Amino acid sequence: MSKKNITIEEVKRIADLSKLKIPDSELDYYAKEMSKIIDHFNALSKIDTSNIDEMVHISDRRNVMRKDEPGDCIDNSELIDNCPESFGQFIKVPRITDKE
């Protein structure tokens, strides 16, 4: 692969898409840094991985899950009685959104 240098215009475009404000005085710095990142990935892509097995995860651990079986539940009236505020069969909670 040929060496790809990121241009100032590409840095501006990436910054715009990322909603970042990069001062003009730093654009050259970021262009060089991004070019180094691309060079690093180009070096990694040259590594022969044909003899390496594919992995889904880095460890052999599996999720240990219990069987999903219904158990005893609290009675609705007992639950409502233990709430600080309720109305009828509903629990009153503080508003978390703005009025609009």
PDB file of N, CA and C in Angstrom:
ATOM      1  N   MET A   1       0.824  -1.185   0.000  1.00  0.00           N
ATOM      2  CA  MET A   1       0.000   0.000   0.000  1.00  0.00           C
ATOM      3  C   MET A   1       0.867   1.246   0.000  1.00  0.00           C
ATOM      4  N   SER A   2       0.397   2.240  -0.706  1.00  0.00           N
ATOM      5  CA  SER A   2       1.163   3.474  -0.751  1.00  0.00           C
ATOM      6  C   SER A   2       0.919   4.288   0.516  1.00  0.00           C
ATOM      7  N   LYS A   3       1.885   5.123   0.825  1.00  0.00           N
ATOM      8  CA  LYS A   3       1.779   5.954   2.019  1.00  0.00           C
ATOM      9  C   LYS A   3       0.745   7.038   1.777  1.00  0.00           C
ATOM     10  N   LYS A   4      -0.218   7.141   2.695  1.00  0.00           N
ATOM     11  CA  LYS A   4      -1.302   8.117   2.565  1.00  0.00           C
ATOM     12  C   LYS A   4      -1.087   9.226   3.578  1.00  0.00           C
ATOM     13  N   ASN A   5      -0.951  10.437   3.084  1.00  0.00           N
ATOM     14  CA  ASN A   5      -0.863  11.587   3.967  1.00  0.00           C
ATOM     15  C   ASN A   5      -2.215  12.280   4.015  1.00  0.00           C
ATOM     16  N   ILE A   6      -2.689  12.497   5.214  1.00  0.00           N
ATOM     17  CA  ILE A   6      -3.968  13.178   5.414  1.00  0.00           C
ATOM     18  C   ILE A   6      -3.764  14.666   5.129  1.00  0.00           C
ATOM     19  N   THR A   7      -4.661  15.239   4.344  1.00  0.00           N
ATOM     20  CA  THR A   7      -4.557  16.655   4.005  1.00  0.00           C
ATOM     21  C   THR A   7      -5.266  17.512   5.054  1.00  0.00           C
ATOM     22  N   ILE A   8      -4.977  18.800   5.019  1.00  0.00           N
ATOM     23  CA  ILE A   8      -5.629  19.760   5.915  1.00  0.00           C
ATOM     24  C   ILE A   8      -7.140  19.747   5.669  1.00  0.00           C
ATOM     25  N   GLU A   9      -7.544  19.639   4.421  1.00  0.00           N
ATOM     26  CA  GLU A   9      -8.974  19.615   4.087  1.00  0.00           C
ATOM     27  C   GLU A   9      -9.647  18.372   4.689  1.00  0.00           C
ATOM     28  N   GLU A  10      -8.944  17.246   4.665  1.00  0.00           N
ATOM     29  CA  GLU A  10      -9.504  16.029   5.265  1.00  0.00           C
ATOM     30  C   GLU A  10      -9.636  16.172   6.777  1.00  0.00           C
ATOM     31  N   VAL A  11      -8.663  16.818   7.396  1.00  0.00           N
ATOM     32  CA  VAL A  11      -8.740  17.068   8.844  1.00  0.00           C
ATOM     33  C   VAL A  11      -9.950  17.950   9.148  1.00  0.00           C
ATOM     34  N   LYS A  12     -10.139  18.992   8.348  1.00  0.00           N
ATOM     35  CA  LYS A  12     -11.289  19.877   8.547  1.00  0.00           C
ATOM     36  C   LYS A  12     -12.593  19.102   8.400  1.00  0.00           C
ATOM     37  N   ARG A  13     -12.662  18.228   7.412  1.00  0.00           N
ATOM     38  CA  ARG A  13     -13.871  17.441   7.165  1.00  0.00           C
ATOM     39  C   ARG A  13     -14.136  16.482   8.321  1.00  0.00           C
ATOM     40  N   ILE A  14     -13.096  15.801   8.779  1.00  0.00           N
ATOM     41  CA  ILE A  14     -13.236  14.869   9.909  1.00  0.00           C
ATOM     42  C   ILE A  14     -13.662  15.626  11.164  1.00  0.00           C
ATOM     43  N   ALA A  15     -13.058  16.786  11.394  1.00  0.00           N
ATOM     44  CA  ALA A  15     -13.418  17.603  12.559  1.00  0.00           C
ATOM     45  C   ALA A  15     -14.872  18.046  12.468  1.00  0.00           C
ATOM     46  N   ASP A  16     -15.295  18.434  11.278  1.00  0.00           N
ATOM     47  CA  ASP A  16     -16.681  18.862  11.083  1.00  0.00           C
ATOM     48  C   ASP A  16     -17.650  17.708  11.348  1.00  0.00           C
ATOM     49  N   LEU A  17     -17.356  16.542  10.815  1.00  0.00           N
ATOM     50  CA  LEU A  17     -18.210  15.378  11.032  1.00  0.00           C
ATOM     51  C   LEU A  17     -18.242  14.968  12.505  1.00  0.00           C
ATOM     52  N   SER A  18     -17.142  15.206  13.203  1.00  0.00           N
ATOM     53  CA  SER A  18     -17.035  14.845  14.618  1.00  0.00           C
ATOM     54  C   SER A  18     -17.498  15.973  15.535  1.00  0.00           C
ATOM     55  N   LYS A  19     -17.913  17.073  14.934  1.00  0.00           N
ATOM     56  CA  LYS A  19     -18.349  18.256  15.676  1.00  0.00           C
ATOM     57  C   LYS A  19     -17.254  18.759  16.629  1.00  0.00           C
ATOM     58  N   LEU A  20     -16.025  18.753  16.108  1.00  0.00           N
ATOM     59  CA  LEU A  20     -14.876  19.261  16.858  1.00  0.00           C
ATOM     60  C   LEU A  20     -14.441  20.597  16.271  1.00  0.00           C
ATOM     61  N   LYS A  21     -14.015  21.485  17.125  1.00  0.00           N
ATOM     62  CA  LYS A  21     -13.490  22.758  16.661  1.00  0.00           C
ATOM     63  C   LYS A  21     -11.968  22.715  16.826  1.00  0.00           C
ATOM     64  N   ILE A  22     -11.280  22.599  15.711  1.00  0.00           N
ATOM     65  CA  ILE A  22      -9.817  22.552  15.735  1.00  0.00           C
ATOM     66  C   ILE A  22      -9.307  23.881  15.193  1.00  0.00           C
ATOM     67  N   PRO A  23      -8.511  24.598  15.981  1.00  0.00           N
ATOM     68  CA  PRO A  23      -7.968  25.872  15.503  1.00  0.00           C
ATOM     69  C   PRO A  23      -7.083  25.666  14.269  1.00  0.00           C
ATOM     70  N   ASP A  24      -7.077  26.650  13.382  1.00  0.00           N
ATOM     71  CA  ASP A  24      -6.259  26.562  12.166  1.00  0.00           C
ATOM     72  C   ASP A  24      -4.793  26.307  12.478  1.00  0.00           C
ATOM     73  N   SER A  25      -4.328  26.824  13.617  1.00  0.00           N
ATOM     74  CA  SER A  25      -2.920  26.653  13.978  1.00  0.00           C
ATOM     75  C   SER A  25      -2.575  25.197  14.307  1.00  0.00           C
ATOM     76  N   GLU A  26      -3.583  24.355  14.575  1.00  0.00           N
ATOM     77  CA  GLU A  26      -3.336  22.959  14.943  1.00  0.00           C
ATOM     78  C   GLU A  26      -3.670  21.970  13.828  1.00  0.00           C
ATOM     79  N   LEU A  27      -4.175  22.454  12.705  1.00  0.00           N
ATOM     80  CA  LEU A  27      -4.578  21.556  11.622  1.00  0.00           C
ATOM     81  C   LEU A  27      -3.416  20.740  11.080  1.00  0.00           C
ATOM     82  N   ASP A  28      -2.257  21.370  10.928  1.00  0.00           N
ATOM     83  CA  ASP A  28      -1.079  20.662  10.413  1.00  0.00           C
ATOM     84  C   ASP A  28      -0.662  19.544  11.373  1.00  0.00           C
ATOM     85  N   TYR A  29      -0.696  19.832  12.671  1.00  0.00           N
ATOM     86  CA  TYR A  29      -0.347  18.835  13.683  1.00  0.00           C
ATOM     87  C   TYR A  29      -1.266  17.615  13.566  1.00  0.00           C
ATOM     88  N   TYR A  30      -2.580  17.861  13.485  1.00  0.00           N
ATOM     89  CA  TYR A  30      -3.527  16.749  13.394  1.00  0.00           C
ATOM     90  C   TYR A  30      -3.401  15.991  12.078  1.00  0.00           C
ATOM     91  N   ALA A  31      -3.068  16.667  11.013  1.00  0.00           N
ATOM     92  CA  ALA A  31      -2.859  15.987   9.729  1.00  0.00           C
ATOM     93  C   ALA A  31      -1.694  15.005   9.844  1.00  0.00           C
ATOM     94  N   LYS A  32      -0.612  15.447  10.500  1.00  0.00           N
ATOM     95  CA  LYS A  32       0.543  14.565  10.683  1.00  0.00           C
ATOM     96  C   LYS A  32       0.207  13.390  11.591  1.00  0.00           C
ATOM     97  N   GLU A  33      -0.512  13.657  12.676  1.00  0.00           N
ATOM     98  CA  GLU A  33      -0.870  12.596  13.615  1.00  0.00           C
ATOM     99  C   GLU A  33      -1.799  11.571  12.967  1.00  0.00           C
ATOM    100  N   MET A  34      -2.775  12.046  12.214  1.00  0.00           N
ATOM    101  CA  MET A  34      -3.690  11.121  11.535  1.00  0.00           C
ATOM    102  C   MET A  34      -2.958  10.303  10.474  1.00  0.00           C
ATOM    103  N   SER A  35      -1.988  10.909   9.817  1.00  0.00           N
ATOM    104  CA  SER A  35      -1.182  10.175   8.830  1.00  0.00           C
ATOM    105  C   SER A  35      -0.395   9.065   9.517  1.00  0.00           C
ATOM    106  N   LYS A  36       0.116   9.342  10.722  1.00  0.00           N
ATOM    107  CA  LYS A  36       0.847   8.315  11.482  1.00  0.00           C
ATOM    108  C   LYS A  36      -0.077   7.155  11.837  1.00  0.00           C
ATOM    109  N   ILE A  37      -1.319   7.465  12.184  1.00  0.00           N
ATOM    110  CA  ILE A  37      -2.285   6.419  12.527  1.00  0.00           C
ATOM    111  C   ILE A  37      -2.562   5.545  11.306  1.00  0.00           C
ATOM    112  N   ILE A  38      -2.770   6.177  10.155  1.00  0.00           N
ATOM    113  CA  ILE A  38      -3.007   5.423   8.907  1.00  0.00           C
ATOM    114  C   ILE A  38      -1.793   4.552   8.589  1.00  0.00           C
ATOM    115  N   ASP A  39      -0.585   5.101   8.750  1.00  0.00           N
ATOM    116  CA  ASP A  39       0.640   4.326   8.503  1.00  0.00           C
ATOM    117  C   ASP A  39       0.707   3.109   9.423  1.00  0.00           C
ATOM    118  N   HIS A  40       0.306   3.297  10.675  1.00  0.00           N
ATOM    119  CA  HIS A  40       0.326   2.188  11.635  1.00  0.00           C
ATOM    120  C   HIS A  40      -0.631   1.082  11.185  1.00  0.00           C
ATOM    121  N   PHE A  41      -1.845   1.456  10.781  1.00  0.00           N
ATOM    122  CA  PHE A  41      -2.796   0.450  10.315  1.00  0.00           C
ATOM    123  C   PHE A  41      -2.326  -0.216   9.028  1.00  0.00           C
ATOM    124  N   ASN A  42      -1.662   0.533   8.174  1.00  0.00           N
ATOM    125  CA  ASN A  42      -1.102  -0.066   6.954  1.00  0.00           C
ATOM    126  C   ASN A  42      -0.041  -1.110   7.311  1.00  0.00           C
ATOM    127  N   ALA A  43       0.779  -0.813   8.327  1.00  0.00           N
ATOM    128  CA  ALA A  43       1.794  -1.781   8.766  1.00  0.00           C
ATOM    129  C   ALA A  43       1.120  -3.025   9.335  1.00  0.00           C
ATOM    130  N   LEU A  44       0.058  -2.837  10.110  1.00  0.00           N
ATOM    131  CA  LEU A  44      -0.663  -3.986  10.674  1.00  0.00           C
ATOM    132  C   LEU A  44      -1.307  -4.841   9.585  1.00  0.00           C
ATOM    133  N   SER A  45      -1.793  -4.191   8.538  1.00  0.00           N
ATOM    134  CA  SER A  45      -2.470  -4.947   7.482  1.00  0.00           C
ATOM    135  C   SER A  45      -1.503  -5.808   6.675  1.00  0.00           C
ATOM    136  N   LYS A  46      -0.198  -5.554   6.765  1.00  0.00           N
ATOM    137  CA  LYS A  46       0.801  -6.347   6.042  1.00  0.00           C
ATOM    138  C   LYS A  46       1.164  -7.634   6.780  1.00  0.00           C
ATOM    139  N   ILE A  47       0.728  -7.766   8.035  1.00  0.00           N
ATOM    140  CA  ILE A  47       1.063  -8.946   8.835  1.00  0.00           C
ATOM    141  C   ILE A  47       0.263 -10.151   8.325  1.00  0.00           C
ATOM    142  N   ASP A  48       0.957 -11.267   8.132  1.00  0.00           N
ATOM    143  CA  ASP A  48       0.304 -12.490   7.650  1.00  0.00           C
ATOM    144  C   ASP A  48      -0.440 -13.148   8.812  1.00  0.00           C
ATOM    145  N   THR A  49      -1.755 -13.161   8.725  1.00  0.00           N
ATOM    146  CA  THR A  49      -2.579 -13.777   9.768  1.00  0.00           C
ATOM    147  C   THR A  49      -3.304 -15.009   9.249  1.00  0.00           C
ATOM    148  N   SER A  50      -2.848 -15.553   8.141  1.00  0.00           N
ATOM    149  CA  SER A  50      -3.546 -16.691   7.535  1.00  0.00           C
ATOM    150  C   SER A  50      -3.515 -17.934   8.426  1.00  0.00           C
ATOM    151  N   ASN A  51      -2.520 -18.066   9.300  1.00  0.00           N
ATOM    152  CA  ASN A  51      -2.426 -19.232  10.188  1.00  0.00           C
ATOM    153  C   ASN A  51      -3.040 -18.979  11.559  1.00  0.00           C
ATOM    154  N   ILE A  52      -3.694 -17.878  11.725  1.00  0.00           N
ATOM    155  CA  ILE A  52      -4.286 -17.522  13.016  1.00  0.00           C
ATOM    156  C   ILE A  52      -5.783 -17.815  12.980  1.00  0.00           C
ATOM    157  N   ASP A  53      -6.265 -18.540  14.003  1.00  0.00           N
ATOM    158  CA  ASP A  53      -7.694 -18.819  14.091  1.00  0.00           C
ATOM    159  C   ASP A  53      -8.449 -17.544  14.441  1.00  0.00           C
ATOM    160  N   GLU A  54      -9.646 -17.440  13.874  1.00  0.00           N
ATOM    161  CA  GLU A  54     -10.488 -16.282  14.179  1.00  0.00           C
ATOM    162  C   GLU A  54     -10.969 -16.359  15.621  1.00  0.00           C
ATOM    163  N   MET A  55     -11.124 -15.189  16.229  1.00  0.00           N
ATOM    164  CA  MET A  55     -11.593 -15.122  17.610  1.00  0.00           C
ATOM    165  C   MET A  55     -12.813 -14.216  17.687  1.00  0.00           C
ATOM    166  N   VAL A  56     -13.724 -14.579  18.553  1.00  0.00           N
ATOM    167  CA  VAL A  56     -14.866 -13.720  18.817  1.00  0.00           C
ATOM    168  C   VAL A  56     -14.573 -12.882  20.055  1.00  0.00           C
ATOM    169  N   HIS A  57     -13.846 -13.470  20.996  1.00  0.00           N
ATOM    170  CA  HIS A  57     -13.520 -12.782  22.239  1.00  0.00           C
ATOM    171  C   HIS A  57     -12.117 -13.187  22.649  1.00  0.00           C
ATOM    172  N   ILE A  58     -11.477 -12.376  23.480  1.00  0.00           N
ATOM    173  CA  ILE A  58     -10.085 -12.656  23.836  1.00  0.00           C
ATOM    174  C   ILE A  58      -9.926 -13.738  24.889  1.00  0.00           C
ATOM    175  N   SER A  59     -11.007 -14.116  25.569  1.00  0.00           N
ATOM    176  CA  SER A  59     -10.890 -15.176  26.569  1.00  0.00           C
ATOM    177  C   SER A  59     -11.882 -16.283  26.259  1.00  0.00           C
ATOM    178  N   ASP A  60     -11.706 -17.422  26.927  1.00  0.00           N
ATOM    179  CA  ASP A  60     -12.587 -18.565  26.707  1.00  0.00           C
ATOM    180  C   ASP A  60     -13.786 -18.559  27.647  1.00  0.00           C
ATOM    181  N   ARG A  61     -13.933 -17.518  28.436  1.00  0.00           N
ATOM    182  CA  ARG A  61     -15.046 -17.464  29.385  1.00  0.00           C
ATOM    183  C   ARG A  61     -16.378 -17.393  28.663  1.00  0.00           C
ATOM    184  N   ARG A  62     -17.357 -17.998  29.276  1.00  0.00           N
ATOM    185  CA  ARG A  62     -18.719 -17.965  28.766  1.00  0.00           C
ATOM    186  C   ARG A  62     -19.596 -17.316  29.837  1.00  0.00           C
ATOM    187  N   ASN A  63     -20.691 -16.734  29.411  1.00  0.00           N
ATOM    188  CA  ASN A  63     -21.630 -16.192  30.375  1.00  0.00           C
ATOM    189  C   ASN A  63     -22.230 -17.331  31.186  1.00  0.00           C
ATOM    190  N   VAL A  64     -22.223 -17.169  32.489  1.00  0.00           N
ATOM    191  CA  VAL A  64     -22.841 -18.154  33.362  1.00  0.00           C
ATOM    192  C   VAL A  64     -24.201 -17.593  33.734  1.00  0.00           C
ATOM    193  N   MET A  65     -25.225 -18.251  33.247  1.00  0.00           N
ATOM    194  CA  MET A  65     -26.567 -17.732  33.482  1.00  0.00           C
ATOM    195  C   MET A  65     -27.414 -18.798  34.159  1.00  0.00           C
ATOM    196  N   ARG A  66     -28.260 -18.348  35.040  1.00  0.00           N
ATOM    197  CA  ARG A  66     -29.179 -19.282  35.681  1.00  0.00           C
ATOM    198  C   ARG A  66     -30.394 -19.461  34.788  1.00  0.00           C
ATOM    199  N   LYS A  67     -31.125 -20.499  35.034  1.00  0.00           N
ATOM    200  CA  LYS A  67     -32.344 -20.759  34.296  1.00  0.00           C
ATOM    201  C   LYS A  67     -33.363 -19.670  34.655  1.00  0.00           C
ATOM    202  N   ASP A  68     -34.072 -19.179  33.691  1.00  0.00           N
ATOM    203  CA  ASP A  68     -35.065 -18.135  33.915  1.00  0.00           C
ATOM    204  C   ASP A  68     -36.384 -18.776  34.315  1.00  0.00           C
ATOM    205  N   GLU A  69     -36.597 -18.863  35.618  1.00  0.00           N
ATOM    206  CA  GLU A  69     -37.813 -19.480  36.122  1.00  0.00           C
ATOM    207  C   GLU A  69     -38.556 -18.472  36.992  1.00  0.00           C
ATOM    208  N   PRO A  70     -39.875 -18.429  36.868  1.00  0.00           N
ATOM    209  CA  PRO A  70     -40.635 -17.492  37.701  1.00  0.00           C
ATOM    210  C   PRO A  70     -40.535 -17.868  39.171  1.00  0.00           C
ATOM    211  N   GLY A  71     -40.519 -16.865  40.013  1.00  0.00           N
ATOM    212  CA  GLY A  71     -40.446 -17.089  41.451  1.00  0.00           C
ATOM    213  C   GLY A  71     -41.557 -16.322  42.139  1.00  0.00           C
ATOM    214  N   ASP A  72     -41.479 -16.260  43.448  1.00  0.00           N
ATOM    215  CA  ASP A  72     -42.483 -15.534  44.214  1.00  0.00           C
ATOM    216  C   ASP A  72     -42.362 -14.044  43.924  1.00  0.00           C
ATOM    217  N   CYS A  73     -43.483 -13.390  43.783  1.00  0.00           N
ATOM    218  CA  CYS A  73     -43.511 -11.954  43.508  1.00  0.00           C
ATOM    219  C   CYS A  73     -44.180 -11.240  44.666  1.00  0.00           C
ATOM    220  N   ILE A  74     -43.816  -9.976  44.812  1.00  0.00           N
ATOM    221  CA  ILE A  74     -44.451  -9.151  45.829  1.00  0.00           C
ATOM    222  C   ILE A  74     -45.858  -8.796  45.358  1.00  0.00           C
ATOM    223  N   ASP A  75     -46.798  -8.762  46.272  1.00  0.00           N
ATOM    224  CA  ASP A  75     -48.170  -8.417  45.952  1.00  0.00           C
ATOM    225  C   ASP A  75     -48.252  -6.943  45.567  1.00  0.00           C
ATOM    226  N   ASN A  76     -49.058  -6.614  44.539  1.00  0.00           N
ATOM    227  CA  ASN A  76     -49.170  -5.227  44.068  1.00  0.00           C
ATOM    228  C   ASN A  76     -49.543  -4.273  45.193  1.00  0.00           C
ATOM    229  N   SER A  77     -50.507  -4.632  46.009  1.00  0.00           N
ATOM    230  CA  SER A  77     -50.936  -3.726  47.084  1.00  0.00           C
ATOM    231  C   SER A  77     -49.817  -3.512  48.097  1.00  0.00           C
ATOM    232  N   GLU A  78     -49.024  -4.542  48.361  1.00  0.00           N
ATOM    233  CA  GLU A  78     -47.890  -4.411  49.284  1.00  0.00           C
ATOM    234  C   GLU A  78     -46.829  -3.473  48.689  1.00  0.00           C
ATOM    235  N   LEU A  79     -46.613  -3.583  47.385  1.00  0.00           N
ATOM    236  CA  LEU A  79     -45.658  -2.713  46.697  1.00  0.00           C
ATOM    237  C   LEU A  79     -46.116  -1.257  46.761  1.00  0.00           C
ATOM    238  N   ILE A  80     -47.380  -1.004  46.449  1.00  0.00           N
ATOM    239  CA  ILE A  80     -47.927   0.355  46.467  1.00  0.00           C
ATOM    240  C   ILE A  80     -47.864   0.934  47.879  1.00  0.00           C
ATOM    241  N   ASP A  81     -48.158   0.118  48.880  1.00  0.00           N
ATOM    242  CA  ASP A  81     -48.118   0.583  50.276  1.00  0.00           C
ATOM    243  C   ASP A  81     -46.710   1.003  50.688  1.00  0.00           C
ATOM    244  N   ASN A  82     -45.678   0.445  50.080  1.00  0.00           N
ATOM    245  CA  ASN A  82     -44.293   0.757  50.438  1.00  0.00           C
ATOM    246  C   ASN A  82     -43.712   1.924  49.640  1.00  0.00           C
ATOM    247  N   CYS A  83     -44.485   2.486  48.718  1.00  0.00           N
ATOM    248  CA  CYS A  83     -44.000   3.612  47.913  1.00  0.00           C
ATOM    249  C   CYS A  83     -44.284   4.932  48.620  1.00  0.00           C
ATOM    250  N   PRO A  84     -43.358   5.913  48.478  1.00  0.00           N
ATOM    251  CA  PRO A  84     -43.590   7.209  49.122  1.00  0.00           C
ATOM    252  C   PRO A  84     -44.837   7.907  48.593  1.00  0.00           C
ATOM    253  N   GLU A  85     -45.081   7.818  47.290  1.00  0.00           N
ATOM    254  CA  GLU A  85     -46.264   8.449  46.701  1.00  0.00           C
ATOM    255  C   GLU A  85     -46.868   7.518  45.669  1.00  0.00           C
ATOM    256  N   SER A  86     -48.193   7.427  45.691  1.00  0.00           N
ATOM    257  CA  SER A  86     -48.893   6.616  44.702  1.00  0.00           C
ATOM    258  C   SER A  86     -50.273   7.212  44.486  1.00  0.00           C
ATOM    259  N   PHE A  87     -50.900   6.805  43.393  1.00  0.00           N
ATOM    260  CA  PHE A  87     -52.290   7.168  43.138  1.00  0.00           C
ATOM    261  C   PHE A  87     -52.951   5.972  42.481  1.00  0.00           C
ATOM    262  N   GLY A  88     -53.950   5.430  43.167  1.00  0.00           N
ATOM    263  CA  GLY A  88     -54.578   4.210  42.691  1.00  0.00           C
ATOM    264  C   GLY A  88     -53.580   3.072  42.676  1.00  0.00           C
ATOM    265  N   GLN A  89     -53.475   2.416  41.534  1.00  0.00           N
ATOM    266  CA  GLN A  89     -52.534   1.297  41.415  1.00  0.00           C
ATOM    267  C   GLN A  89     -51.207   1.720  40.777  1.00  0.00           C
ATOM    268  N   PHE A  90     -50.964   3.042  40.720  1.00  0.00           N
ATOM    269  CA  PHE A  90     -49.765   3.558  40.064  1.00  0.00           C
ATOM    270  C   PHE A  90     -48.805   4.179  41.079  1.00  0.00           C
ATOM    271  N   ILE A  91     -47.516   4.104  40.759  1.00  0.00           N
ATOM    272  CA  ILE A  91     -46.478   4.704  41.597  1.00  0.00           C
ATOM    273  C   ILE A  91     -46.143   6.069  41.011  1.00  0.00           C
ATOM    274  N   LYS A  92     -46.136   7.094  41.856  1.00  0.00           N
ATOM    275  CA  LYS A  92     -45.810   8.440  41.392  1.00  0.00           C
ATOM    276  C   LYS A  92     -44.300   8.637  41.536  1.00  0.00           C
ATOM    277  N   VAL A  93     -43.660   9.053  40.441  1.00  0.00           N
ATOM    278  CA  VAL A  93     -42.220   9.296  40.431  1.00  0.00           C
ATOM    279  C   VAL A  93     -41.941  10.727  39.998  1.00  0.00           C
ATOM    280  N   PRO A  94     -40.779  11.293  40.345  1.00  0.00           N
ATOM    281  CA  PRO A  94     -40.472  12.672  39.938  1.00  0.00           C
ATOM    282  C   PRO A  94     -40.348  12.791  38.426  1.00  0.00           C
ATOM    283  N   ARG A  95     -40.732  13.959  37.909  1.00  0.00           N
ATOM    284  CA  ARG A  95     -40.597  14.241  36.490  1.00  0.00           C
ATOM    285  C   ARG A  95     -39.114  14.331  36.136  1.00  0.00           C
ATOM    286  N   ILE A  96     -38.732  13.719  35.016  1.00  0.00           N
ATOM    287  CA  ILE A  96     -37.324  13.764  34.590  1.00  0.00           C
ATOM    288  C   ILE A  96     -37.153  14.447  33.244  1.00  0.00           C
ATOM    289  N   THR A  97     -38.247  14.898  32.668  1.00  0.00           N
ATOM    290  CA  THR A  97     -38.157  15.595  31.374  1.00  0.00           C
ATOM    291  C   THR A  97     -38.686  17.009  31.507  1.00  0.00           C
ATOM    292  N   ASP A  98     -38.277  17.874  30.586  1.00  0.00           N
ATOM    293  CA  ASP A  98     -38.763  19.251  30.579  1.00  0.00           C
ATOM    294  C   ASP A  98     -40.173  19.290  30.047  1.00  0.00           C
ATOM    295  N   LYS A  99     -40.919  20.283  30.500  1.00  0.00           N
ATOM    296  CA  LYS A  99     -42.264  20.485  29.960  1.00  0.00           C
ATOM    297  C   LYS A  99     -42.156  21.108  28.591  1.00  0.00           C
ATOM    298  N   GLU A 100     -42.850  20.569  27.623  1.00  0.00           N
ATOM    299  CA  GLU A 100     -42.891  21.163  26.277  1.00  0.00           C
ATOM    300  C   GLU A 100     -44.146  20.785  25.602  1.00  0.00           C
TER     301      GLU A 100
END
